[in-house]
PDB file of N, CA and C in Angstrom:
ATOM      1  N   UNK A   1       0.821  -1.188   0.000  1.00  0.00           N
ATOM      2  CA  UNK A   1       0.000   0.000   0.000  1.00  0.00           C
ATOM      3  C   UNK A   1       0.869   1.257   0.000  1.00  0.00           C
ATOM      4  N   UNK A   2       2.105   1.126   0.457  1.00  0.00           N
ATOM      5  CA  UNK A   2       3.001   2.282   0.389  1.00  0.00           C
ATOM      6  C   UNK A   2       3.295   2.631  -1.073  1.00  0.00           C
ATOM      7  N   UNK A   3       3.346   1.610  -1.950  1.00  0.00           N
ATOM      8  CA  UNK A   3       3.527   1.883  -3.379  1.00  0.00           C
ATOM      9  C   UNK A   3       2.320   2.625  -3.948  1.00  0.00           C
ATOM     10  N   UNK A   4       1.137   2.306  -3.444  1.00  0.00           N
ATOM     11  CA  UNK A   4      -0.056   3.031  -3.873  1.00  0.00           C
ATOM     12  C   UNK A   4       0.024   4.495  -3.441  1.00  0.00           C
ATOM     13  N   UNK A   5       0.420   4.739  -2.210  1.00  0.00           N
ATOM     14  CA  UNK A   5       0.570   6.111  -1.731  1.00  0.00           C
ATOM     15  C   UNK A   5       1.548   6.880  -2.607  1.00  0.00           C
ATOM     16  N   UNK A   6       2.683   6.277  -2.914  1.00  0.00           N
ATOM     17  CA  UNK A   6       3.703   6.944  -3.730  1.00  0.00           C
ATOM     18  C   UNK A   6       3.178   7.264  -5.124  1.00  0.00           C
ATOM     19  N   UNK A   7       2.484   6.311  -5.740  1.00  0.00           N
ATOM     20  CA  UNK A   7       1.933   6.551  -7.072  1.00  0.00           C
ATOM     21  C   UNK A   7       0.898   7.674  -7.023  1.00  0.00           C
ATOM     22  N   UNK A   8       0.031   7.631  -6.032  1.00  0.00           N
ATOM     23  CA  UNK A   8      -1.004   8.658  -5.897  1.00  0.00           C
ATOM     24  C   UNK A   8      -0.365  10.038  -5.737  1.00  0.00           C
ATOM     25  N   UNK A   9       0.582  10.139  -4.838  1.00  0.00           N
ATOM     26  CA  UNK A   9       1.221  11.423  -4.571  1.00  0.00           C
ATOM     27  C   UNK A   9       1.973  11.958  -5.787  1.00  0.00           C
ATOM     28  N   UNK A  10       2.357  11.069  -6.704  1.00  0.00           N
ATOM     29  CA  UNK A  10       3.029  11.469  -7.945  1.00  0.00           C
ATOM     30  C   UNK A  10       2.021  11.806  -9.047  1.00  0.00           C
ATOM     31  N   UNK A  11       0.725  11.691  -8.751  1.00  0.00           N
ATOM     32  CA  UNK A  11      -0.303  11.966  -9.747  1.00  0.00           C
ATOM     33  C   UNK A  11      -0.504  10.837 -10.732  1.00  0.00           C
ATOM     34  N   UNK A  12      -0.122   9.614 -10.350  1.00  0.00           N
ATOM     35  CA  UNK A  12      -0.128   8.455 -11.236  1.00  0.00           C
ATOM     36  C   UNK A  12      -1.263   7.495 -10.873  1.00  0.00           C
ATOM     37  N   UNK A  13      -2.455   7.755 -11.392  1.00  0.00           N
ATOM     38  CA  UNK A  13      -3.606   6.902 -11.084  1.00  0.00           C
ATOM     39  C   UNK A  13      -3.381   5.486 -11.605  1.00  0.00           C
ATOM     40  N   UNK A  14      -2.815   5.342 -12.778  1.00  0.00           N
ATOM     41  CA  UNK A  14      -2.567   4.002 -13.335  1.00  0.00           C
ATOM     42  C   UNK A  14      -1.613   3.213 -12.438  1.00  0.00           C
ATOM     43  N   UNK A  15      -0.591   3.873 -11.906  1.00  0.00           N
ATOM     44  CA  UNK A  15       0.319   3.222 -10.964  1.00  0.00           C
ATOM     45  C   UNK A  15      -0.392   2.836  -9.681  1.00  0.00           C
ATOM     46  N   UNK A  16      -1.266   3.705  -9.193  1.00  0.00           N
ATOM     47  CA  UNK A  16      -2.073   3.425  -8.006  1.00  0.00           C
ATOM     48  C   UNK A  16      -2.933   2.186  -8.234  1.00  0.00           C
ATOM     49  N   UNK A  17      -3.495   2.067  -9.440  1.00  0.00           N
ATOM     50  CA  UNK A  17      -4.397   0.962  -9.768  1.00  0.00           C
ATOM     51  C   UNK A  17      -3.674  -0.361  -9.976  1.00  0.00           C
ATOM     52  N   UNK A  18      -2.361  -0.360 -10.036  1.00  0.00           N
ATOM     53  CA  UNK A  18      -1.604  -1.609 -10.224  1.00  0.00           C
ATOM     54  C   UNK A  18      -1.885  -2.609  -9.109  1.00  0.00           C
ATOM     55  N   UNK A  19      -2.315  -2.143  -7.944  1.00  0.00           N
ATOM     56  CA  UNK A  19      -2.593  -3.034  -6.815  1.00  0.00           C
ATOM     57  C   UNK A  19      -3.951  -3.721  -6.932  1.00  0.00           C
ATOM     58  N   UNK A  20      -4.759  -3.323  -7.896  1.00  0.00           N
ATOM     59  CA  UNK A  20      -6.100  -3.876  -8.033  1.00  0.00           C
ATOM     60  C   UNK A  20      -6.148  -5.045  -9.011  1.00  0.00           C
ATOM     61  N   UNK A  21      -6.962  -6.038  -8.694  1.00  0.00           N
ATOM     62  CA  UNK A  21      -7.224  -7.159  -9.600  1.00  0.00           C
ATOM     63  C   UNK A  21      -8.121  -6.683 -10.736  1.00  0.00           C
ATOM     64  N   UNK A  22      -8.043  -7.348 -11.865  1.00  0.00           N
ATOM     65  CA  UNK A  22      -8.916  -7.004 -12.995  1.00  0.00           C
ATOM     66  C   UNK A  22     -10.390  -7.124 -12.623  1.00  0.00           C
ATOM     67  N   UNK A  23     -10.713  -8.039 -11.707  1.00  0.00           N
ATOM     68  CA  UNK A  23     -12.104  -8.287 -11.316  1.00  0.00           C
ATOM     69  C   UNK A  23     -12.522  -7.537 -10.054  1.00  0.00           C
ATOM     70  N   UNK A  24     -11.798  -6.495  -9.688  1.00  0.00           N
ATOM     71  CA  UNK A  24     -12.101  -5.734  -8.468  1.00  0.00           C
ATOM     72  C   UNK A  24     -13.525  -5.180  -8.498  1.00  0.00           C
ATOM     73  N   UNK A  25     -14.127  -5.099  -7.315  1.00  0.00           N
ATOM     74  CA  UNK A  25     -15.362  -4.337  -7.124  1.00  0.00           C
ATOM     75  C   UNK A  25     -15.080  -3.300  -6.049  1.00  0.00           C
ATOM     76  N   UNK A  26     -15.420  -2.053  -6.349  1.00  0.00           N
ATOM     77  CA  UNK A  26     -15.219  -0.925  -5.446  1.00  0.00           C
ATOM     78  C   UNK A  26     -16.578  -0.514  -4.904  1.00  0.00           C
ATOM     79  N   UNK A  27     -16.724  -0.548  -3.581  1.00  0.00           N
ATOM     80  CA  UNK A  27     -17.989  -0.242  -2.925  1.00  0.00           C
ATOM     81  C   UNK A  27     -17.797   1.020  -2.091  1.00  0.00           C
ATOM     82  N   UNK A  28     -18.629   2.035  -2.355  1.00  0.00           N
ATOM     83  CA  UNK A  28     -18.546   3.298  -1.612  1.00  0.00           C
ATOM     84  C   UNK A  28     -19.961   3.818  -1.394  1.00  0.00           C
ATOM     85  N   UNK A  29     -20.111   4.911  -0.665  1.00  0.00           N
ATOM     86  CA  UNK A  29     -21.452   5.472  -0.494  1.00  0.00           C
ATOM     87  C   UNK A  29     -22.120   5.858  -1.820  1.00  0.00           C
ATOM     88  N   UNK A  30     -21.324   6.033  -2.884  1.00  0.00           N
ATOM     89  CA  UNK A  30     -21.885   6.401  -4.194  1.00  0.00           C
ATOM     90  C   UNK A  30     -22.328   5.187  -4.998  1.00  0.00           C
ATOM     91  N   UNK A  31     -22.047   3.982  -4.514  1.00  0.00           N
ATOM     92  CA  UNK A  31     -22.490   2.787  -5.216  1.00  0.00           C
ATOM     93  C   UNK A  31     -21.376   1.778  -5.401  1.00  0.00           C
ATOM     94  N   UNK A  32     -21.626   0.814  -6.284  1.00  0.00           N
ATOM     95  CA  UNK A  32     -20.698  -0.282  -6.541  1.00  0.00           C
ATOM     96  C   UNK A  32     -20.237  -0.189  -7.994  1.00  0.00           C
ATOM     97  N   UNK A  33     -18.928  -0.269  -8.185  1.00  0.00           N
ATOM     98  CA  UNK A  33     -18.344  -0.302  -9.522  1.00  0.00           C
ATOM     99  C   UNK A  33     -17.460  -1.530  -9.603  1.00  0.00           C
ATOM    100  N   UNK A  34     -17.656  -2.346 -10.619  1.00  0.00           N
ATOM    101  CA  UNK A  34     -16.851  -3.557 -10.783  1.00  0.00           C
ATOM    102  C   UNK A  34     -16.048  -3.503 -12.070  1.00  0.00           C
ATOM    103  N   UNK A  35     -14.848  -4.084 -12.003  1.00  0.00           N
ATOM    104  CA  UNK A  35     -13.931  -4.117 -13.127  1.00  0.00           C
ATOM    105  C   UNK A  35     -12.876  -3.035 -13.000  1.00  0.00           C
ATOM    106  N   UNK A  36     -11.637  -3.415 -13.199  1.00  0.00           N
ATOM    107  CA  UNK A  36     -10.519  -2.482 -13.040  1.00  0.00           C
ATOM    108  C   UNK A  36     -10.637  -1.270 -13.970  1.00  0.00           C
ATOM    109  N   UNK A  37     -11.056  -1.483 -15.205  1.00  0.00           N
ATOM    110  CA  UNK A  37     -11.176  -0.369 -16.149  1.00  0.00           C
ATOM    111  C   UNK A  37     -12.220   0.644 -15.674  1.00  0.00           C
ATOM    112  N   UNK A  38     -13.349   0.173 -15.167  1.00  0.00           N
ATOM    113  CA  UNK A  38     -14.407   1.070 -14.692  1.00  0.00           C
ATOM    114  C   UNK A  38     -13.977   1.810 -13.429  1.00  0.00           C
ATOM    115  N   UNK A  39     -13.301   1.118 -12.514  1.00  0.00           N
ATOM    116  CA  UNK A  39     -12.820   1.764 -11.290  1.00  0.00           C
ATOM    117  C   UNK A  39     -11.773   2.824 -11.640  1.00  0.00           C
ATOM    118  N   UNK A  40     -10.880   2.483 -12.568  1.00  0.00           N
ATOM    119  CA  UNK A  40      -9.866   3.449 -13.005  1.00  0.00           C
ATOM    120  C   UNK A  40     -10.521   4.686 -13.614  1.00  0.00           C
ATOM    121  N   UNK A  41     -11.514   4.477 -14.454  1.00  0.00           N
ATOM    122  CA  UNK A  41     -12.216   5.605 -15.081  1.00  0.00           C
ATOM    123  C   UNK A  41     -12.869   6.502 -14.040  1.00  0.00           C
ATOM    124  N   UNK A  42     -13.441   5.910 -12.990  1.00  0.00           N
ATOM    125  CA  UNK A  42     -14.035   6.711 -11.911  1.00  0.00           C
ATOM    126  C   UNK A  42     -12.981   7.568 -11.217  1.00  0.00           C
ATOM    127  N   UNK A  43     -11.832   6.965 -10.913  1.00  0.00           N
ATOM    128  CA  UNK A  43     -10.749   7.735 -10.291  1.00  0.00           C
ATOM    129  C   UNK A  43     -10.297   8.870 -11.205  1.00  0.00           C
ATOM    130  N   UNK A  44     -10.146   8.593 -12.484  1.00  0.00           N
ATOM    131  CA  UNK A  44      -9.679   9.623 -13.416  1.00  0.00           C
ATOM    132  C   UNK A  44     -10.685  10.763 -13.545  1.00  0.00           C
ATOM    133  N   UNK A  45     -11.971  10.457 -13.477  1.00  0.00           N
ATOM    134  CA  UNK A  45     -13.004  11.504 -13.509  1.00  0.00           C
ATOM    135  C   UNK A  45     -12.989  12.336 -12.227  1.00  0.00           C
ATOM    136  N   UNK A  46     -12.859  11.649 -11.093  1.00  0.00           N
ATOM    137  CA  UNK A  46     -12.928  12.336  -9.807  1.00  0.00           C
ATOM    138  C   UNK A  46     -11.660  13.120  -9.471  1.00  0.00           C
ATOM    139  N   UNK A  47     -10.529  12.663 -10.001  1.00  0.00           N
ATOM    140  CA  UNK A  47      -9.236  13.277  -9.701  1.00  0.00           C
ATOM    141  C   UNK A  47      -8.505  13.558 -11.013  1.00  0.00           C
ATOM    142  N   UNK A  48      -8.894  14.650 -11.722  1.00  0.00           N
ATOM    143  CA  UNK A  48      -8.378  14.896 -13.065  1.00  0.00           C
ATOM    144  C   UNK A  48      -6.918  15.350 -13.145  1.00  0.00           C
ATOM    145  N   UNK A  49      -6.358  15.797 -12.020  1.00  0.00           N
ATOM    146  CA  UNK A  49      -4.966  16.255 -12.051  1.00  0.00           C
ATOM    147  C   UNK A  49      -4.320  16.074 -10.677  1.00  0.00           C
ATOM    148  N   UNK A  50      -3.025  16.321 -10.623  1.00  0.00           N
ATOM    149  CA  UNK A  50      -2.250  16.102  -9.390  1.00  0.00           C
ATOM    150  C   UNK A  50      -2.760  16.965  -8.240  1.00  0.00           C
ATOM    151  N   UNK A  51      -3.163  18.189  -8.537  1.00  0.00           N
ATOM    152  CA  UNK A  51      -3.675  19.070  -7.490  1.00  0.00           C
ATOM    153  C   UNK A  51      -4.944  18.492  -6.857  1.00  0.00           C
ATOM    154  N   UNK A  52      -5.834  17.954  -7.663  1.00  0.00           N
ATOM    155  CA  UNK A  52      -7.062  17.341  -7.150  1.00  0.00           C
ATOM    156  C   UNK A  52      -6.754  16.085  -6.340  1.00  0.00           C
ATOM    157  N   UNK A  53      -5.664  15.412  -6.700  1.00  0.00           N
ATOM    158  CA  UNK A  53      -5.292  14.175  -6.006  1.00  0.00           C
ATOM    159  C   UNK A  53      -4.690  14.444  -4.634  1.00  0.00           C
ATOM    160  N   UNK A  54      -3.929  15.515  -4.487  1.00  0.00           N
ATOM    161  CA  UNK A  54      -3.343  15.844  -3.189  1.00  0.00           C
ATOM    162  C   UNK A  54      -2.345  14.811  -2.705  1.00  0.00           C
ATOM    163  N   UNK A  55      -2.227  14.710  -1.396  1.00  0.00           N
ATOM    164  CA  UNK A  55      -1.284  13.806  -0.729  1.00  0.00           C
ATOM    165  C   UNK A  55      -2.081  12.763   0.045  1.00  0.00           C
ATOM    166  N   UNK A  56      -1.894  11.488  -0.302  1.00  0.00           N
ATOM    167  CA  UNK A  56      -2.646  10.389   0.302  1.00  0.00           C
ATOM    168  C   UNK A  56      -1.858   9.748   1.428  1.00  0.00           C
ATOM    169  N   UNK A  57      -2.558   9.458   2.517  1.00  0.00           N
ATOM    170  CA  UNK A  57      -1.935   8.741   3.635  1.00  0.00           C
ATOM    171  C   UNK A  57      -2.886   7.648   4.110  1.00  0.00           C
ATOM    172  N   UNK A  58      -2.360   6.429   4.192  1.00  0.00           N
ATOM    173  CA  UNK A  58      -3.114   5.304   4.734  1.00  0.00           C
ATOM    174  C   UNK A  58      -2.694   5.047   6.169  1.00  0.00           C
ATOM    175  N   UNK A  59      -3.630   4.618   6.991  1.00  0.00           N
ATOM    176  CA  UNK A  59      -3.342   4.136   8.338  1.00  0.00           C
ATOM    177  C   UNK A  59      -3.859   2.706   8.434  1.00  0.00           C
ATOM    178  N   UNK A  60      -2.956   1.752   8.486  1.00  0.00           N
ATOM    179  CA  UNK A  60      -3.355   0.347   8.546  1.00  0.00           C
ATOM    180  C   UNK A  60      -3.725  -0.005   9.984  1.00  0.00           C
ATOM    181  N   UNK A  61      -4.952  -0.484  10.177  1.00  0.00           N
ATOM    182  CA  UNK A  61      -5.415  -0.845  11.516  1.00  0.00           C
ATOM    183  C   UNK A  61      -5.269  -2.340  11.786  1.00  0.00           C
ATOM    184  N   UNK A  62      -5.563  -3.159  10.751  1.00  0.00           N
ATOM    185  CA  UNK A  62      -5.549  -4.608  10.961  1.00  0.00           C
ATOM    186  C   UNK A  62      -5.303  -5.323   9.639  1.00  0.00           C
ATOM    187  N   UNK A  63      -4.515  -6.375   9.706  1.00  0.00           N
ATOM    188  CA  UNK A  63      -4.349  -7.305   8.596  1.00  0.00           C
ATOM    189  C   UNK A  63      -4.745  -8.668   9.142  1.00  0.00           C
ATOM    190  N   UNK A  64      -5.765  -9.248   8.547  1.00  0.00           N
ATOM    191  CA  UNK A  64      -6.330 -10.492   9.041  1.00  0.00           C
ATOM    192  C   UNK A  64      -6.278 -11.546   7.932  1.00  0.00           C
ATOM    193  N   UNK A  65      -5.514 -12.608   8.161  1.00  0.00           N
ATOM    194  CA  UNK A  65      -5.428 -13.690   7.183  1.00  0.00           C
ATOM    195  C   UNK A  65      -6.801 -14.334   7.005  1.00  0.00           C
ATOM    196  N   UNK A  66      -7.133 -14.637   5.761  1.00  0.00           N
ATOM    197  CA  UNK A  66      -8.398 -15.304   5.442  1.00  0.00           C
ATOM    198  C   UNK A  66      -8.064 -16.491   4.536  1.00  0.00           C
ATOM    199  N   UNK A  67      -7.330 -17.444   5.096  1.00  0.00           N
ATOM    200  CA  UNK A  67      -6.817 -18.550   4.310  1.00  0.00           C
ATOM    201  C   UNK A  67      -5.397 -18.253   3.858  1.00  0.00           C
ATOM    202  N   UNK A  68      -4.863 -19.147   3.045  1.00  0.00           N
ATOM    203  CA  UNK A  68      -3.469 -19.028   2.610  1.00  0.00           C
ATOM    204  C   UNK A  68      -3.254 -17.899   1.604  1.00  0.00           C
ATOM    205  N   UNK A  69      -4.226 -17.639   0.736  1.00  0.00           N
ATOM    206  CA  UNK A  69      -4.037 -16.695  -0.356  1.00  0.00           C
ATOM    207  C   UNK A  69      -4.946 -15.471  -0.305  1.00  0.00           C
ATOM    208  N   UNK A  70      -5.546 -15.208   0.855  1.00  0.00           N
ATOM    209  CA  UNK A  70      -6.418 -14.047   0.999  1.00  0.00           C
ATOM    210  C   UNK A  70      -6.151 -13.357   2.335  1.00  0.00           C
ATOM    211  N   UNK A  71      -6.409 -12.062   2.364  1.00  0.00           N
ATOM    212  CA  UNK A  71      -6.276 -11.298   3.607  1.00  0.00           C
ATOM    213  C   UNK A  71      -7.208 -10.088   3.559  1.00  0.00           C
ATOM    214  N   UNK A  72      -7.763  -9.763   4.713  1.00  0.00           N
ATOM    215  CA  UNK A  72      -8.537  -8.534   4.885  1.00  0.00           C
ATOM    216  C   UNK A  72      -7.628  -7.492   5.507  1.00  0.00           C
ATOM    217  N   UNK A  73      -7.666  -6.303   4.966  1.00  0.00           N
ATOM    218  CA  UNK A  73      -6.900  -5.181   5.525  1.00  0.00           C
ATOM    219  C   UNK A  73      -7.896  -4.065   5.802  1.00  0.00           C
ATOM    220  N   UNK A  74      -7.902  -3.569   7.032  1.00  0.00           N
ATOM    221  CA  UNK A  74      -8.771  -2.452   7.386  1.00  0.00           C
ATOM    222  C   UNK A  74      -7.923  -1.291   7.871  1.00  0.00           C
ATOM    223  N   UNK A  75      -8.453  -0.099   7.671  1.00  0.00           N
ATOM    224  CA  UNK A  75      -7.708   1.073   8.107  1.00  0.00           C
ATOM    225  C   UNK A  75      -8.396   2.366   7.731  1.00  0.00           C
ATOM    226  N   UNK A  76      -7.600   3.421   7.727  1.00  0.00           N
ATOM    227  CA  UNK A  76      -8.086   4.760   7.441  1.00  0.00           C
ATOM    228  C   UNK A  76      -7.318   5.342   6.259  1.00  0.00           C
ATOM    229  N   UNK A  77      -7.909   6.349   5.655  1.00  0.00           N
ATOM    230  CA  UNK A  77      -7.237   7.089   4.592  1.00  0.00           C
ATOM    231  C   UNK A  77      -7.488   8.571   4.813  1.00  0.00           C
ATOM    232  N   UNK A  78      -6.530   9.373   4.387  1.00  0.00           N
ATOM    233  CA  UNK A  78      -6.682  10.827   4.434  1.00  0.00           C
ATOM    234  C   UNK A  78      -6.076  11.392   3.160  1.00  0.00           C
ATOM    235  N   UNK A  79      -6.778  12.313   2.564  1.00  0.00           N
ATOM    236  CA  UNK A  79      -6.333  12.971   1.348  1.00  0.00           C
ATOM    237  C   UNK A  79      -6.176  14.457   1.670  1.00  0.00           C
ATOM    238  N   UNK A  80      -4.927  14.881   1.779  1.00  0.00           N
ATOM    239  CA  UNK A  80      -4.605  16.270   2.127  1.00  0.00           C
ATOM    240  C   UNK A  80      -4.415  17.072   0.845  1.00  0.00           C
ATOM    241  N   UNK A  81      -5.258  18.099   0.665  1.00  0.00           N
ATOM    242  CA  UNK A  81      -5.165  18.966  -0.503  1.00  0.00           C
ATOM    243  C   UNK A  81      -5.057  20.405  -0.036  1.00  0.00           C
ATOM    244  N   UNK A  82      -4.692  21.279  -0.924  1.00  0.00           N
ATOM    245  CA  UNK A  82      -4.527  22.690  -0.571  1.00  0.00           C
ATOM    246  C   UNK A  82      -5.817  23.273  -0.001  1.00  0.00           C
ATOM    247  N   UNK A  83      -6.930  22.960  -0.622  1.00  0.00           N
ATOM    248  CA  UNK A  83      -8.204  23.555  -0.227  1.00  0.00           C
ATOM    249  C   UNK A  83      -8.921  22.815   0.891  1.00  0.00           C
ATOM    250  N   UNK A  84      -8.622  21.529   1.075  1.00  0.00           N
ATOM    251  CA  UNK A  84      -9.366  20.745   2.060  1.00  0.00           C
ATOM    252  C   UNK A  84      -8.637  19.445   2.378  1.00  0.00           C
ATOM    253  N   UNK A  85      -9.202  18.726   3.324  1.00  0.00           N
ATOM    254  CA  UNK A  85      -8.729  17.377   3.650  1.00  0.00           C
ATOM    255  C   UNK A  85      -9.945  16.463   3.702  1.00  0.00           C
ATOM    256  N   UNK A  86      -9.870  15.380   2.948  1.00  0.00           N
ATOM    257  CA  UNK A  86     -10.910  14.362   2.983  1.00  0.00           C
ATOM    258  C   UNK A  86     -10.366  13.172   3.752  1.00  0.00           C
ATOM    259  N   UNK A  87     -11.240  12.423   4.416  1.00  0.00           N
ATOM    260  CA  UNK A  87     -10.765  11.248   5.147  1.00  0.00           C
ATOM    261  C   UNK A  87     -11.900  10.263   5.343  1.00  0.00           C
ATOM    262  N   UNK A  88     -11.523   9.045   5.681  1.00  0.00           N
ATOM    263  CA  UNK A  88     -12.507   8.004   5.907  1.00  0.00           C
ATOM    264  C   UNK A  88     -11.823   6.700   6.258  1.00  0.00           C
ATOM    265  N   UNK A  89     -12.515   5.604   5.978  1.00  0.00           N
ATOM    266  CA  UNK A  89     -11.978   4.290   6.298  1.00  0.00           C
ATOM    267  C   UNK A  89     -12.131   3.348   5.121  1.00  0.00           C
ATOM    268  N   UNK A  90     -11.538   2.172   5.247  1.00  0.00           N
ATOM    269  CA  UNK A  90     -11.619   1.176   4.186  1.00  0.00           C
ATOM    270  C   UNK A  90     -11.493  -0.220   4.751  1.00  0.00           C
ATOM    271  N   UNK A  91     -11.968  -1.171   3.971  1.00  0.00           N
ATOM    272  CA  UNK A  91     -11.780  -2.596   4.207  1.00  0.00           C
ATOM    273  C   UNK A  91     -11.464  -3.203   2.846  1.00  0.00           C
ATOM    274  N   UNK A  92     -10.304  -3.834   2.745  1.00  0.00           N
ATOM    275  CA  UNK A  92      -9.842  -4.386   1.467  1.00  0.00           C
ATOM    276  C   UNK A  92      -9.683  -5.896   1.572  1.00  0.00           C
ATOM    277  N   UNK A  93     -10.202  -6.612   0.578  1.00  0.00           N
ATOM    278  CA  UNK A  93      -9.950  -8.043   0.468  1.00  0.00           C
ATOM    279  C   UNK A  93      -8.855  -8.227  -0.573  1.00  0.00           C
ATOM    280  N   UNK A  94      -7.715  -8.744  -0.136  1.00  0.00           N
ATOM    281  CA  UNK A  94      -6.568  -8.989  -1.010  1.00  0.00           C
ATOM    282  C   UNK A  94      -6.497 -10.467  -1.360  1.00  0.00           C
ATOM    283  N   UNK A  95      -6.000 -10.757  -2.567  1.00  0.00           N
ATOM    284  CA  UNK A  95      -5.792 -12.132  -3.007  1.00  0.00           C
ATOM    285  C   UNK A  95      -4.376 -12.261  -3.572  1.00  0.00           C
ATOM    286  N   UNK A  96      -3.692 -13.344  -3.181  1.00  0.00           N
ATOM    287  CA  UNK A  96      -2.373 -13.621  -3.745  1.00  0.00           C
ATOM    288  C   UNK A  96      -2.545 -14.510  -4.965  1.00  0.00           C
ATOM    289  N   UNK A  97      -2.028 -14.061  -6.093  1.00  0.00           N
ATOM    290  CA  UNK A  97      -2.118 -14.816  -7.337  1.00  0.00           C
ATOM    291  C   UNK A  97      -0.765 -14.819  -8.042  1.00  0.00           C
ATOM    292  N   UNK A  98      -0.736 -15.202  -9.299  1.00  0.00           N
ATOM    293  CA  UNK A  98       0.519 -15.304 -10.043  1.00  0.00           C
ATOM    294  C   UNK A  98       1.252 -13.964 -10.174  1.00  0.00           C
ATOM    295  N   UNK A  99       0.522 -12.860 -10.099  1.00  0.00           N
ATOM    296  CA  UNK A  99       1.142 -11.534 -10.203  1.00  0.00           C
ATOM    297  C   UNK A  99       1.336 -10.866  -8.850  1.00  0.00           C
ATOM    298  N   UNK A 100       1.264 -11.648  -7.771  1.00  0.00           N
ATOM    299  CA  UNK A 100       1.414 -11.093  -6.425  1.00  0.00           C
ATOM    300  C   UNK A 100       0.064 -10.776  -5.803  1.00  0.00           C
ATOM    301  N   UNK A 101       0.081  -9.963  -4.764  1.00  0.00           N
ATOM    302  CA  UNK A 101      -1.132  -9.595  -4.044  1.00  0.00           C
ATOM    303  C   UNK A 101      -1.882  -8.508  -4.801  1.00  0.00           C
ATOM    304  N   UNK A 102      -3.196  -8.705  -4.952  1.00  0.00           N
ATOM    305  CA  UNK A 102      -4.052  -7.735  -5.631  1.00  0.00           C
ATOM    306  C   UNK A 102      -5.353  -7.574  -4.843  1.00  0.00           C
ATOM    307  N   UNK A 103      -5.935  -6.388  -4.928  1.00  0.00           N
ATOM    308  CA  UNK A 103      -7.187  -6.081  -4.221  1.00  0.00           C
ATOM    309  C   UNK A 103      -8.372  -6.590  -5.050  1.00  0.00           C
ATOM    310  N   UNK A 104      -9.182  -7.467  -4.432  1.00  0.00           N
ATOM    311  CA  UNK A 104     -10.392  -7.992  -5.060  1.00  0.00           C
ATOM    312  C   UNK A 104     -11.629  -7.142  -4.727  1.00  0.00           C
ATOM    313  N   UNK A 105     -11.694  -6.690  -3.487  1.00  0.00           N
ATOM    314  CA  UNK A 105     -12.831  -5.879  -3.028  1.00  0.00           C
ATOM    315  C   UNK A 105     -12.295  -4.703  -2.212  1.00  0.00           C
ATOM    316  N   UNK A 106     -12.845  -3.535  -2.521  1.00  0.00           N
ATOM    317  CA  UNK A 106     -12.461  -2.294  -1.837  1.00  0.00           C
ATOM    318  C   UNK A 106     -13.730  -1.643  -1.343  1.00  0.00           C
ATOM    319  N   UNK A 107     -13.942  -1.673  -0.032  1.00  0.00           N
ATOM    320  CA  UNK A 107     -15.069  -0.988   0.591  1.00  0.00           C
ATOM    321  C   UNK A 107     -14.499   0.274   1.229  1.00  0.00           C
ATOM    322  N   UNK A 108     -14.749   1.413   0.599  1.00  0.00           N
ATOM    323  CA  UNK A 108     -14.207   2.688   1.082  1.00  0.00           C
ATOM    324  C   UNK A 108     -15.364   3.604   1.456  1.00  0.00           C
ATOM    325  N   UNK A 109     -15.203   4.245   2.599  1.00  0.00           N
ATOM    326  CA  UNK A 109     -16.223   5.199   3.047  1.00  0.00           C
ATOM    327  C   UNK A 109     -15.560   6.431   3.598  1.00  0.00           C
TER     328      UNK A 109
END
């Protein structure tokens, strides 16, 4: 997740999305979006430039093994921007596959 923070802070949404599985579903108060391409498009619409993206910080609260190749990660996020700071929490289901660990489900609020 530190690689995600670095990519985000560099304004690199595609780099940030490298941690997501192709079959990811993103669940937020705005609804459910499934598929890496659709989730990426939502991020690109919501954060059109580096200034809108700001500085991202994750706070990992718990990593809970869910079998040999899965894990739940819960924590907080904060997005520090010049005009404001947004923050909330998340629960991520990670899966280990041939390309390493990838996020299958992202519940962000």
